[in-house]
Each structure stands twice: as C-alpha cells, then as structure tokens.
C-alpha atoms as a PDB file:
ATOM      1  CA  MET A   1      14.012 -32.458  18.526  1.00  0.00           C
ATOM      2  CA  SER A   2      15.965 -30.266  16.181  1.00  0.00           C
ATOM      3  CA  GLY A   3      17.238 -31.810  13.239  1.00  0.00           C
ATOM      4  CA  GLU A   4      21.219 -31.716  12.581  1.00  0.00           C
ATOM      5  CA  ASN A   5      20.636 -30.495   8.979  1.00  0.00           C
ATOM      6  CA  GLU A   6      17.968 -27.685   9.404  1.00  0.00           C
ATOM      7  CA  LEU A   7      18.469 -24.492   8.219  1.00  0.00           C
ATOM      8  CA  ALA A   8      16.868 -21.578  10.479  1.00  0.00           C
ATOM      9  CA  PHE A   9      15.139 -19.022   8.704  1.00  0.00           C
ATOM     10  CA  ILE A  10      14.053 -15.780  11.358  1.00  0.00           C
ATOM     11  CA  GLY A  11      11.627 -13.021  10.144  1.00  0.00           C
ATOM     12  CA  LEU A  12       8.383 -13.997   8.492  1.00  0.00           C
ATOM     13  CA  GLY A  13       7.138 -10.631   6.932  1.00  0.00           C
ATOM     14  CA  GLY A  14       5.835 -10.560   3.767  1.00  0.00           C
ATOM     15  CA  MET A  15       9.163 -11.461   1.983  1.00  0.00           C
ATOM     16  CA  GLY A  16      10.390 -13.625   4.627  1.00  0.00           C
ATOM     17  CA  ALA A  17       7.439 -16.068   4.753  1.00  0.00           C
ATOM     18  CA  GLY A  18       7.419 -16.244   0.827  1.00  0.00           C
ATOM     19  CA  MET A  19      11.082 -17.099   0.885  1.00  0.00           C
ATOM     20  CA  ALA A  20      10.655 -19.530   3.878  1.00  0.00           C
ATOM     21  CA  LEU A  21       7.743 -21.388   2.238  1.00  0.00           C
ATOM     22  CA  CYS A  22       9.570 -21.797  -0.898  1.00  0.00           C
ATOM     23  CA  LEU A  23      12.168 -23.523   0.816  1.00  0.00           C
ATOM     24  CA  ARG A  24      10.037 -25.806   2.898  1.00  0.00           C
ATOM     25  CA  GLU A  25       8.291 -26.788  -0.356  1.00  0.00           C
ATOM     26  CA  ALA A  26      11.649 -27.618  -1.827  1.00  0.00           C
ATOM     27  CA  GLY A  27      12.408 -30.128   0.418  1.00  0.00           C
ATOM     28  CA  PHE A  28      14.594 -28.453   3.088  1.00  0.00           C
ATOM     29  CA  PRO A  29      14.117 -29.039   6.756  1.00  0.00           C
ATOM     30  CA  LEU A  30      13.630 -25.656   8.243  1.00  0.00           C
ATOM     31  CA  VAL A  31      13.134 -24.290  11.847  1.00  0.00           C
ATOM     32  CA  VAL A  32      11.512 -20.516  11.831  1.00  0.00           C
ATOM     33  CA  HIS A  33      10.807 -17.935  14.516  1.00  0.00           C
ATOM     34  CA  ASN A  34       9.133 -14.616  14.092  1.00  0.00           C
ATOM     35  CA  ARG A  35       8.360 -12.103  16.722  1.00  0.00           C
ATOM     36  CA  THR A  36       4.672 -12.350  15.745  1.00  0.00           C
ATOM     37  CA  ALA A  37       4.285 -15.806  16.461  1.00  0.00           C
ATOM     38  CA  ALA A  38       1.094 -16.220  14.578  1.00  0.00           C
ATOM     39  CA  LYS A  39       3.184 -15.118  11.348  1.00  0.00           C
ATOM     40  CA  ALA A  40       4.629 -18.753  11.860  1.00  0.00           C
ATOM     41  CA  ALA A  41       1.346 -20.646  11.078  1.00  0.00           C
ATOM     42  CA  PRO A  42       1.635 -21.195   7.582  1.00  0.00           C
ATOM     43  CA  LEU A  43       4.889 -22.606   7.971  1.00  0.00           C
ATOM     44  CA  ALA A  44       4.113 -24.749  10.584  1.00  0.00           C
ATOM     45  CA  GLU A  45       1.127 -26.347   8.644  1.00  0.00           C
ATOM     46  CA  ALA A  46       4.266 -26.685   5.395  1.00  0.00           C
ATOM     47  CA  GLY A  47       6.214 -28.762   8.093  1.00  0.00           C
ATOM     48  CA  ALA A  48       8.710 -26.422   9.362  1.00  0.00           C
ATOM     49  CA  ARG A  49       9.448 -26.623  13.257  1.00  0.00           C
ATOM     50  CA  VAL A  50       8.975 -23.290  15.080  1.00  0.00           C
ATOM     51  CA  ALA A  51      10.856 -22.298  17.541  1.00  0.00           C
ATOM     52  CA  SER A  52       9.852 -19.942  20.375  1.00  0.00           C
ATOM     53  CA  SER A  53      13.038 -17.793  20.004  1.00  0.00           C
ATOM     54  CA  ALA A  54      15.838 -16.805  17.968  1.00  0.00           C
ATOM     55  CA  GLY A  55      18.227 -18.383  19.980  1.00  0.00           C
ATOM     56  CA  GLU A  56      16.466 -21.637  19.591  1.00  0.00           C
ATOM     57  CA  ALA A  57      16.082 -21.409  15.828  1.00  0.00           C
ATOM     58  CA  GLY A  58      19.676 -20.658  15.269  1.00  0.00           C
ATOM     59  CA  ARG A  59      21.358 -22.750  17.781  1.00  0.00           C
ATOM     60  CA  ASP A  60      21.672 -26.106  15.752  1.00  0.00           C
ATOM     61  CA  ALA A  61      21.522 -24.920  12.399  1.00  0.00           C
ATOM     62  CA  SER A  62      24.465 -24.463  10.109  1.00  0.00           C
ATOM     63  CA  ILE A  63      22.851 -22.105   8.096  1.00  0.00           C
ATOM     64  CA  ILE A  64      20.496 -19.231   9.331  1.00  0.00           C
ATOM     65  CA  LEU A  65      18.710 -17.007   6.937  1.00  0.00           C
ATOM     66  CA  LEU A  66      17.397 -13.516   8.019  1.00  0.00           C
ATOM     67  CA  SER A  67      14.601 -11.418   6.781  1.00  0.00           C
ATOM     68  CA  LEU A  68      14.477  -8.389   9.067  1.00  0.00           C
ATOM     69  CA  SER A  69      13.134  -4.654   8.970  1.00  0.00           C
ATOM     70  CA  ASP A  70      16.265  -2.921   9.631  1.00  0.00           C
ATOM     71  CA  GLU A  71      19.537  -2.605  11.169  1.00  0.00           C
ATOM     72  CA  ALA A  72      17.922  -2.206  14.704  1.00  0.00           C
ATOM     73  CA  ALA A  73      15.989  -5.823  14.377  1.00  0.00           C
ATOM     74  CA  VAL A  74      19.524  -7.313  13.127  1.00  0.00           C
ATOM     75  CA  GLU A  75      21.401  -6.119  15.431  1.00  0.00           C
ATOM     76  CA  GLN A  76      19.001  -7.319  18.103  1.00  0.00           C
ATOM     77  CA  ILE A  77      18.950 -10.973  16.303  1.00  0.00           C
ATOM     78  CA  LEU A  78      22.378 -11.401  15.723  1.00  0.00           C
ATOM     79  CA  PHE A  79      24.114  -9.891  18.545  1.00  0.00           C
ATOM     80  CA  GLY A  80      21.440 -10.275  21.094  1.00  0.00           C
ATOM     81  CA  GLU A  81      19.423 -13.338  20.942  1.00  0.00           C
ATOM     82  CA  LEU A  82      22.112 -15.023  18.922  1.00  0.00           C
ATOM     83  CA  SER A  83      25.139 -14.444  20.558  1.00  0.00           C
ATOM     84  CA  GLY A  84      26.682 -17.169  22.061  1.00  0.00           C
ATOM     85  CA  ARG A  85      24.277 -19.631  20.602  1.00  0.00           C
ATOM     86  CA  LEU A  86      25.911 -19.938  16.821  1.00  0.00           C
ATOM     87  CA  ARG A  87      27.429 -23.020  16.396  1.00  0.00           C
ATOM     88  CA  PRO A  88      31.392 -22.650  15.161  1.00  0.00           C
ATOM     89  CA  GLY A  89      31.390 -21.884  11.442  1.00  0.00           C
ATOM     90  CA  ALA A  90      27.716 -20.932  11.246  1.00  0.00           C
ATOM     91  CA  LEU A  91      26.979 -19.217   7.985  1.00  0.00           C
ATOM     92  CA  VAL A  92      24.456 -16.251   8.332  1.00  0.00           C
ATOM     93  CA  VAL A  93      22.727 -15.276   5.195  1.00  0.00           C
ATOM     94  CA  ASP A  94      21.205 -12.065   5.822  1.00  0.00           C
ATOM     95  CA  THR A  95      18.607 -10.706   3.268  1.00  0.00           C
ATOM     96  CA  SER A  96      17.580  -7.699   5.127  1.00  0.00           C
ATOM     97  CA  THR A  97      18.431  -4.441   3.733  1.00  0.00           C
ATOM     98  CA  VAL A  98      20.704  -2.490   5.824  1.00  0.00           C
ATOM     99  CA  SER A  99      23.434   0.247   5.053  1.00  0.00           C
ATOM    100  CA  PRO A 100      26.726  -0.723   3.367  1.00  0.00           C
ATOM    101  CA  ALA A 101      28.643   0.314   6.519  1.00  0.00           C
ATOM    102  CA  TYR A 102      26.639  -1.592   8.769  1.00  0.00           C
ATOM    103  CA  SER A 103      26.848  -4.532   6.569  1.00  0.00           C
ATOM    104  CA  ALA A 104      30.163  -4.784   6.326  1.00  0.00           C
ATOM    105  CA  ALA A 105      30.693  -4.102  10.250  1.00  0.00           C
ATOM    106  CA  ALA A 106      28.459  -6.953  11.009  1.00  0.00           C
ATOM    107  CA  SER A 107      30.247  -9.708   8.903  1.00  0.00           C
ATOM    108  CA  GLU A 108      34.011  -8.603  10.689  1.00  0.00           C
ATOM    109  CA  ARG A 109      32.127  -8.761  14.156  1.00  0.00           C
ATOM    110  CA  LEU A 110      30.856 -11.996  13.315  1.00  0.00           C
ATOM    111  CA  ALA A 111      34.216 -13.297  12.254  1.00  0.00           C
ATOM    112  CA  ARG A 112      35.277 -12.364  15.335  1.00  0.00           C
ATOM    113  CA  ILE A 113      33.115 -14.867  17.096  1.00  0.00           C
ATOM    114  CA  GLY A 114      33.906 -17.293  14.621  1.00  0.00           C
ATOM    115  CA  ALA A 115      30.947 -17.207  12.383  1.00  0.00           C
ATOM    116  CA  ARG A 116      30.472 -16.053   9.073  1.00  0.00           C
ATOM    117  CA  ARG A 117      28.074 -13.810   7.210  1.00  0.00           C
ATOM    118  CA  ILE A 118      26.906 -13.151   3.431  1.00  0.00           C
ATOM    119  CA  GLU A 119      24.664 -10.466   1.840  1.00  0.00           C
ATOM    120  CA  ALA A 120      21.855 -12.083  -0.069  1.00  0.00           C
ATOM    121  CA  CYS A 121      19.937  -8.658  -0.995  1.00  0.00           C
ATOM    122  CA  VAL A 122      16.889  -9.694  -3.369  1.00  0.00           C
ATOM    123  CA  ILE A 123      14.821  -7.961  -5.576  1.00  0.00           C
ATOM    124  CA  GLY A 124      11.103  -9.323  -6.063  1.00  0.00           C
ATOM    125  CA  ASN A 125       7.895  -9.169  -4.643  1.00  0.00           C
ATOM    126  CA  PRO A 126       6.484 -11.764  -2.106  1.00  0.00           C
ATOM    127  CA  PRO A 127       4.664 -14.074  -4.578  1.00  0.00           C
ATOM    128  CA  MET A 128       8.009 -14.112  -6.449  1.00  0.00           C
ATOM    129  CA  ALA A 129       9.816 -15.206  -3.004  1.00  0.00           C
ATOM    130  CA  ARG A 130       7.073 -17.794  -2.782  1.00  0.00           C
ATOM    131  CA  ALA A 131       7.576 -19.049  -6.225  1.00  0.00           C
ATOM    132  CA  GLY A 132      11.565 -19.043  -6.529  1.00  0.00           C
ATOM    133  CA  GLN A 133      11.508 -16.217  -8.918  1.00  0.00           C
ATOM    134  CA  LEU A 134      13.681 -13.399  -7.381  1.00  0.00           C
ATOM    135  CA  ARG A 135      16.786 -12.007  -8.444  1.00  0.00           C
ATOM    136  CA  ILE A 136      19.554 -12.379  -5.424  1.00  0.00           C
ATOM    137  CA  PHE A 137      22.550 -10.185  -5.432  1.00  0.00           C
ATOM    138  CA  THR A 138      25.232 -11.591  -2.738  1.00  0.00           C
ATOM    139  CA  ALA A 139      28.472 -10.187  -0.997  1.00  0.00           C
ATOM    140  CA  GLY A 140      30.938 -11.311   0.675  1.00  0.00           C
ATOM    141  CA  ARG A 141      33.354 -14.070   0.419  1.00  0.00           C
ATOM    142  CA  ARG A 142      32.764 -16.252  -2.640  1.00  0.00           C
ATOM    143  CA  GLU A 143      33.478 -19.489  -0.560  1.00  0.00           C
ATOM    144  CA  ASP A 144      30.706 -18.569   1.722  1.00  0.00           C
ATOM    145  CA  VAL A 145      28.475 -17.551  -0.621  1.00  0.00           C
ATOM    146  CA  ASP A 146      29.137 -21.129  -2.519  1.00  0.00           C
ATOM    147  CA  GLY A 147      28.169 -22.811   0.904  1.00  0.00           C
ATOM    148  CA  ALA A 148      24.533 -21.204   0.646  1.00  0.00           C
ATOM    149  CA  ARG A 149      24.413 -21.765  -3.089  1.00  0.00           C
ATOM    150  CA  GLU A 150      21.863 -24.463  -3.105  1.00  0.00           C
ATOM    151  CA  VAL A 151      19.652 -22.395  -0.754  1.00  0.00           C
ATOM    152  CA  LEU A 152      19.660 -19.317  -2.440  1.00  0.00           C
ATOM    153  CA  GLU A 153      19.474 -21.221  -6.096  1.00  0.00           C
ATOM    154  CA  ALA A 154      16.011 -22.481  -4.828  1.00  0.00           C
ATOM    155  CA  LEU A 155      14.969 -19.035  -4.243  1.00  0.00           C
ATOM    156  CA  ALA A 156      16.658 -17.392  -7.703  1.00  0.00           C
ATOM    157  CA  GLN A 157      15.541 -16.990 -10.682  1.00  0.00           C
ATOM    158  CA  GLU A 158      19.144 -15.349 -10.963  1.00  0.00           C
ATOM    159  CA  MET A 159      22.128 -14.744  -8.995  1.00  0.00           C
ATOM    160  CA  VAL A 160      25.021 -12.283  -9.069  1.00  0.00           C
ATOM    161  CA  HIS A 161      27.609 -11.942  -6.794  1.00  0.00           C
ATOM    162  CA  VAL A 162      28.283  -8.095  -6.229  1.00  0.00           C
ATOM    163  CA  GLY A 163      32.037  -8.009  -4.375  1.00  0.00           C
ATOM    164  CA  PRO A 164      33.042  -7.459  -0.671  1.00  0.00           C
ATOM    165  CA  ALA A 165      30.583  -6.908   2.152  1.00  0.00           C
ATOM    166  CA  GLY A 166      28.433  -4.001   1.883  1.00  0.00           C
ATOM    167  CA  SER A 167      28.462  -4.071  -2.073  1.00  0.00           C
ATOM    168  CA  ALA A 168      25.228  -6.002  -2.655  1.00  0.00           C
ATOM    169  CA  CYS A 169      23.407  -3.482  -0.087  1.00  0.00           C
ATOM    170  CA  GLY A 170      24.696  -0.362  -2.077  1.00  0.00           C
ATOM    171  CA  LEU A 171      23.253  -1.918  -4.981  1.00  0.00           C
ATOM    172  CA  LYS A 172      19.891  -2.810  -3.313  1.00  0.00           C
ATOM    173  CA  LEU A 173      19.743   0.869  -1.967  1.00  0.00           C
ATOM    174  CA  SER A 174      20.196   2.244  -5.551  1.00  0.00           C
ATOM    175  CA  PHE A 175      17.324  -0.174  -6.868  1.00  0.00           C
ATOM    176  CA  ASN A 176      15.352   0.778  -4.183  1.00  0.00           C
ATOM    177  CA  LEU A 177      16.247   4.486  -4.693  1.00  0.00           C
ATOM    178  CA  LEU A 178      15.020   4.138  -8.400  1.00  0.00           C
ATOM    179  CA  LEU A 179      11.691   2.893  -7.556  1.00  0.00           C
ATOM    180  CA  GLY A 180      11.201   5.123  -4.521  1.00  0.00           C
ATOM    181  CA  ASN A 181      11.614   8.365  -6.878  1.00  0.00           C
ATOM    182  CA  GLN A 182       9.813   6.453  -9.815  1.00  0.00           C
ATOM    183  CA  ILE A 183       6.566   5.996  -7.204  1.00  0.00           C
ATOM    184  CA  ALA A 184       6.502   9.468  -6.213  1.00  0.00           C
ATOM    185  CA  ALA A 185       6.856  11.056  -9.175  1.00  0.00           C
ATOM    186  CA  LEU A 186       3.873   8.542 -10.790  1.00  0.00           C
ATOM    187  CA  ALA A 187       1.769  10.074  -7.672  1.00  0.00           C
ATOM    188  CA  GLU A 188       2.532  13.619  -8.675  1.00  0.00           C
ATOM    189  CA  ALA A 189       1.860  13.162 -12.327  1.00  0.00           C
ATOM    190  CA  ALA A 190      -1.339  11.708 -11.469  1.00  0.00           C
ATOM    191  CA  GLN A 191      -2.247  14.559  -9.211  1.00  0.00           C
ATOM    192  CA  LEU A 192      -1.087  17.069 -12.225  1.00  0.00           C
ATOM    193  CA  ALA A 193      -3.329  15.480 -14.482  1.00  0.00           C
ATOM    194  CA  VAL A 194      -6.602  14.840 -12.228  1.00  0.00           C
ATOM    195  CA  SER A 195      -6.219  18.710 -11.559  1.00  0.00           C
ATOM    196  CA  ALA A 196      -6.275  19.576 -15.302  1.00  0.00           C
ATOM    197  CA  GLY A 197      -9.629  17.581 -15.646  1.00  0.00           C
ATOM    198  CA  VAL A 198      -8.263  14.654 -16.855  1.00  0.00           C
ATOM    199  CA  ASP A 199     -10.258  11.120 -15.417  1.00  0.00           C
ATOM    200  CA  ARG A 200      -8.280   9.382 -12.969  1.00  0.00           C
ATOM    201  CA  ASP A 201      -8.914   5.940 -14.023  1.00  0.00           C
ATOM    202  CA  LEU A 202      -7.798   6.816 -17.628  1.00  0.00           C
ATOM    203  CA  PHE A 203      -4.347   8.464 -16.357  1.00  0.00           C
ATOM    204  CA  PHE A 204      -3.371   5.422 -14.639  1.00  0.00           C
ATOM    205  CA  THR A 205      -4.571   3.074 -17.571  1.00  0.00           C
ATOM    206  CA  THR A 206      -2.785   5.127 -20.228  1.00  0.00           C
ATOM    207  CA  ILE A 207       0.326   5.597 -18.350  1.00  0.00           C
ATOM    208  CA  ALA A 208       0.910   1.757 -17.806  1.00  0.00           C
ATOM    209  CA  LYS A 209       0.715   1.280 -21.513  1.00  0.00           C
ATOM    210  CA  SER A 210       2.898   3.815 -22.326  1.00  0.00           C
ATOM    211  CA  GLY A 211       6.469   4.065 -23.401  1.00  0.00           C
ATOM    212  CA  PHE A 212       7.482   5.552 -19.645  1.00  0.00           C
ATOM    213  CA  SER A 213       5.859   2.356 -18.000  1.00  0.00           C
ATOM    214  CA  SER A 214       7.987  -0.579 -16.759  1.00  0.00           C
ATOM    215  CA  PRO A 215       6.843  -3.534 -14.741  1.00  0.00           C
ATOM    216  CA  ALA A 216       7.260  -2.057 -11.320  1.00  0.00           C
ATOM    217  CA  LEU A 217       5.770   1.342 -12.348  1.00  0.00           C
ATOM    218  CA  ALA A 218       2.441  -0.200 -13.953  1.00  0.00           C
ATOM    219  CA  PHE A 219       2.069  -2.774 -10.921  1.00  0.00           C
ATOM    220  CA  ARG A 220       2.001   0.891  -8.935  1.00  0.00           C
ATOM    221  CA  ALA A 221      -0.159   2.351 -11.410  1.00  0.00           C
ATOM    222  CA  GLU A 222      -2.512  -0.111 -10.847  1.00  0.00           C
ATOM    223  CA  LEU A 223      -2.380   0.008  -7.169  1.00  0.00           C
ATOM    224  CA  MET A 224      -3.222   3.686  -7.475  1.00  0.00           C
ATOM    225  CA  ARG A 225      -5.901   3.326  -9.870  1.00  0.00           C
ATOM    226  CA  THR A 226      -8.134   0.920  -7.469  1.00  0.00           C
ATOM    227  CA  ARG A 227      -6.617   2.062  -4.474  1.00  0.00           C
ATOM    228  CA  ARG A 228      -5.887  -1.209  -3.236  1.00  0.00           C
ATOM    229  CA  TYR A 229      -2.833  -0.859  -0.807  1.00  0.00           C
ATOM    230  CA  GLU A 230      -3.046  -3.819   1.373  1.00  0.00           C
ATOM    231  CA  PRO A 231      -1.702  -6.367   1.333  1.00  0.00           C
ATOM    232  CA  PRO A 232       1.542  -4.245   0.822  1.00  0.00           C
ATOM    233  CA  ALA A 233       4.080  -5.473  -1.690  1.00  0.00           C
ATOM    234  CA  PHE A 234       6.675  -2.852  -0.245  1.00  0.00           C
ATOM    235  CA  ARG A 235       5.713  -1.257   2.938  1.00  0.00           C
ATOM    236  CA  SER A 236       5.934   2.696   3.045  1.00  0.00           C
ATOM    237  CA  THR A 237       7.589   2.099   6.061  1.00  0.00           C
ATOM    238  CA  LEU A 238      10.488   0.124   4.922  1.00  0.00           C
ATOM    239  CA  MET A 239      10.759   2.644   1.705  1.00  0.00           C
ATOM    240  CA  GLU A 240      11.233   5.835   3.841  1.00  0.00           C
ATOM    241  CA  LYS A 241      13.538   3.640   5.688  1.00  0.00           C
ATOM    242  CA  ASP A 242      15.492   2.568   2.479  1.00  0.00           C
ATOM    243  CA  LEU A 243      15.709   6.336   1.074  1.00  0.00           C
ATOM    244  CA  ARG A 244      16.763   7.642   4.409  1.00  0.00           C
ATOM    245  CA  LEU A 245      19.862   5.185   4.539  1.00  0.00           C
ATOM    246  CA  ALA A 246      20.644   6.162   0.546  1.00  0.00           C
ATOM    247  CA  VAL A 247      20.743   9.832   1.295  1.00  0.00           C
ATOM    248  CA  ALA A 248      22.909   9.058   4.418  1.00  0.00           C
ATOM    249  CA  GLY A 249      25.467   6.703   2.624  1.00  0.00           C
ATOM    250  CA  ALA A 250      25.731   9.167   0.265  1.00  0.00           C
ATOM    251  CA  ALA A 251      26.403  12.189   2.477  1.00  0.00           C
ATOM    252  CA  ALA A 252      29.308   9.536   3.895  1.00  0.00           C
ATOM    253  CA  HIS A 253      30.910   9.875   0.522  1.00  0.00           C
ATOM    254  CA  ASP A 254      30.191  13.870   0.109  1.00  0.00           C
ATOM    255  CA  LEU A 255      27.582  13.530  -2.118  1.00  0.00           C
ATOM    256  CA  GLU A 256      24.386  14.847  -2.328  1.00  0.00           C
ATOM    257  CA  LEU A 257      20.775  13.348  -3.170  1.00  0.00           C
ATOM    258  CA  PRO A 258      18.408  16.264  -3.377  1.00  0.00           C
ATOM    259  CA  VAL A 259      15.787  14.303  -5.143  1.00  0.00           C
ATOM    260  CA  THR A 260      15.715  11.226  -2.808  1.00  0.00           C
ATOM    261  CA  ALA A 261      15.563  13.534   0.085  1.00  0.00           C
ATOM    262  CA  GLY A 262      12.693  15.091  -0.540  1.00  0.00           C
ATOM    263  CA  VAL A 263      10.644  11.793  -1.925  1.00  0.00           C
ATOM    264  CA  ALA A 264      12.131  10.349   1.752  1.00  0.00           C
ATOM    265  CA  GLU A 265       9.951  13.210   3.313  1.00  0.00           C
ATOM    266  CA  ARG A 266       6.952  12.452   1.106  1.00  0.00           C
ATOM    267  CA  PHE A 267       6.868   9.180   2.343  1.00  0.00           C
ATOM    268  CA  GLY A 268       7.368  10.518   6.124  1.00  0.00           C
ATOM    269  CA  ALA A 269       4.468  12.412   5.145  1.00  0.00           C
ATOM    270  CA  ALA A 270       2.397   8.939   3.968  1.00  0.00           C
ATOM    271  CA  ILE A 271       4.086   7.471   7.577  1.00  0.00           C
ATOM    272  CA  ARG A 272       2.261  10.070   9.918  1.00  0.00           C
ATOM    273  CA  ALA A 273      -0.749   9.838   7.507  1.00  0.00           C
ATOM    274  CA  GLY A 274      -1.629   6.268   8.840  1.00  0.00           C
ATOM    275  CA  ASP A 275      -0.269   4.844   5.666  1.00  0.00           C
ATOM    276  CA  GLY A 276       3.074   3.173   7.053  1.00  0.00           C
ATOM    277  CA  ASP A 277       2.049  -0.273   6.883  1.00  0.00           C
ATOM    278  CA  LYS A 278       0.560   0.288   3.492  1.00  0.00           C
ATOM    279  CA  ASP A 279       2.308  -0.325   0.050  1.00  0.00           C
ATOM    280  CA  ALA A 280       4.264   2.296  -0.807  1.00  0.00           C
ATOM    281  CA  ALA A 281       1.662   3.540  -3.576  1.00  0.00           C
ATOM    282  CA  ALA A 282      -0.193   4.833  -0.732  1.00  0.00           C
ATOM    283  CA  ILE A 283       1.972   7.652  -1.464  1.00  0.00           C
ATOM    284  CA  ALA A 284      -0.539   8.752  -4.121  1.00  0.00           C
ATOM    285  CA  GLU A 285      -3.259   9.611  -1.813  1.00  0.00           C
ATOM    286  CA  LEU A 286      -1.021  12.419   0.005  1.00  0.00           C
ATOM    287  CA  ARG A 287      -1.599  16.146  -1.203  1.00  0.00           C
ATOM    288  CA  THR A 288       0.451  19.324  -0.332  1.00  0.00           C
ATOM    289  CA  PRO A 289      -1.756  22.690  -0.641  1.00  0.00           C
ATOM    290  CA  VAL A 290      -0.047  25.230  -2.180  1.00  0.00           C
ATOM    291  CA  ARG A 291       2.044  27.495   0.186  1.00  0.00           C
ATOM    292  CA  GLY A 292       0.038  30.206   1.889  1.00  0.00           C
ATOM    293  CA  ASP A 293      -3.326  28.474   1.711  1.00  0.00           C
ATOM    294  CA  GLY A 294      -3.678  28.971   5.328  1.00  0.00           C
ATOM    295  CA  GLY A 295      -3.621  25.114   6.347  1.00  0.00           C
ATOM    296  CA  GLY A 296      -4.953  25.578   9.841  1.00  0.00           C
ATOM    297  CA  GLY A 297      -2.019  24.255  11.354  1.00  0.00           C
ATOM    298  CA  LYS A 298      -2.061  20.428  10.163  1.00  0.00           C
ATOM    299  CA  ASP A 299       0.625  18.822   8.418  1.00  0.00           C
ATOM    300  CA  ALA A 300      -0.108  19.695   5.063  1.00  0.00           C
ATOM    301  CA  ALA A 301       1.393  16.697   3.417  1.00  0.00           C
ATOM    302  CA  ALA A 302      -1.260  14.379   5.994  1.00  0.00           C
ATOM    303  CA  VAL A 303      -4.021  15.896   3.936  1.00  0.00           C
ATOM    304  CA  THR A 304      -5.388  13.121   1.681  1.00  0.00           C
ATOM    305  CA  GLU A 305      -6.481  14.126  -1.835  1.00  0.00           C
ATOM    306  CA  LEU A 306      -9.510  12.236  -2.135  1.00  0.00           C
ATOM    307  CA  PRO A 307     -11.136   9.649   0.524  1.00  0.00           C
ATOM    308  CA  THR A 308     -10.087   6.224  -0.174  1.00  0.00           C
ATOM    309  CA  PRO A 309     -13.587   4.281  -0.631  1.00  0.00           C
ATOM    310  CA  ALA A 310     -14.543   1.840   2.264  1.00  0.00           C
ATOM    311  CA  ARG A 311     -13.105  -2.181   1.495  1.00  0.00           C
END
C-alpha cells in the first residue's frame, strides 16, 4: 500500500542511494525506484517501499526527488514514465546535473501540466550524501523551494538559493569544470614528475600536503597514488558529460572554453580505454605519446602509462 505522505526517490546511483538512505534514516516515508532493481535492496532493508516503475513511485507522491545521470534519463522519467501520473501540484526536486537551458525548459513544460520543479544541485560525494552533509544549491520559485525545505535540510550542511530555473545547474557545471580541469592537471603533473625520475608515491604525498592542495585535490591524489578508482566518487562518464555541457553552454553565449574542451577530450579517451565507470581520477592512467612516435594506429590516449596492479 502506498502512503499519502510518502516521498518518491527515483535514481539510486552512488549519490541517489546515499541521499535516499539519509532521508529514510531521518524518518521520511519513502518509495524508491531504480532501473537496476538490485540497487534498491539497501533501501528496502531500511524500510523504504520499492516500486516496480517510476510511474508507480511518483503516482501518489507530493514530492518526487530525481538523481539521474543525464538529460536523456531526465527526459525519459519526467516526460515519459511520469507523464500523466503526477498528482496535481506535485513538486519535482531534481538533483540531476543537466544544462541550464534544458533545466529551464523542463520546468516550463511541467508547469504547463500543473506540476512544479526546482533544481537542487548537490556538491559532495556519496558518504557526504549518506551523512546529510551536502551543499545544496537551489533554483526555481522560492515558494517551491520552501515546499521542499524540510527534505533538503535533512540532506544539507548548507543550502543556498541561486536564482531562476537554470541558474543552479550553471553554478554546478562551473564547479565541475574546475574539478575536472584540476584532476586532469594533477594527472599530467604526476606524469611529468615521474618522467623526470621522481618517485610516484612521493609526488602524490607531497602535492597533497602542498599549498596547491585542496580537499578535492588531496582526495584524488590519494586515489591516483593507490590506483583505487572503484567504487567511484564521480564517474569518468559523468565528468566528461558535464564538461561537454559546460563547453556547449558557453558556446551558446559566444564564449569559448578551450582548456575545458581539451580536458573533456581526455576524459573521452578514458572512457574509450574502458575507464568510464571508474572514478575520474583514473585519467591518471592515460598516456599520450609524443606525436610522430609511430603509435601503430592505436588511440594514443588509450595507452596506459603503467599497468594497474591486480586487486
């Protein structure tokens, strides 16, 4: 039986599962759905009701939270599986990272059918999601944000309202631009140091303690040092997607992001090398040979610098 005050949570990847478990442990009645049903098992053990479809999950909920991988997934869920099944006035809280233009358009399309949508872009990692320690940036109508405030405050150490629909996604993409470029630069710096004879462990240990470091850089430096890229805190496929969204969004405003475009290509190479589902730090395993070294027709960027030790 569905409960009148249930929240619906659709999308139980690393961040989604962490947020859903946090809400369940905070006492919220919850119905969940994930395309891969096995990922819902920990939520079922925590007392959540598992729905067999997104439509079933969202049918009776007044608030539906989404944590989906990309715009195609949001489109399928919002305007496919949930179409015609949302109750009047239902509020969609979308934590997915999509382009500002798509986000604004999605909010307008939902409004035309009597539903509401806000962005709730999150900064953090799966353990922070589980602990309710995310930073959350909201966008949309303030009164709609207020309608989800109790839920969002259970997930957040900080909440900031950014502005109209699309603006929180723009801020989130800007953050991920910095993160992606920093990870790629760290990987290149390590390759340069090792090529000059510096011990690899020494490089990552010292850079993490330097004035150049930050919590995000130190975290990725340790992943690179130990070559432990699974489970991912931020998958390479999602990083590449976000960087390309940033580049495309900038181009729509006659801006060019040449550094970010190059880094997006590097993450594309990591995906082609089979590291798409690993943490973005796996880009440290890529090596681009010097041009003209006779690469033999292989994708040069897909050649690993050193073999990854067996786990």
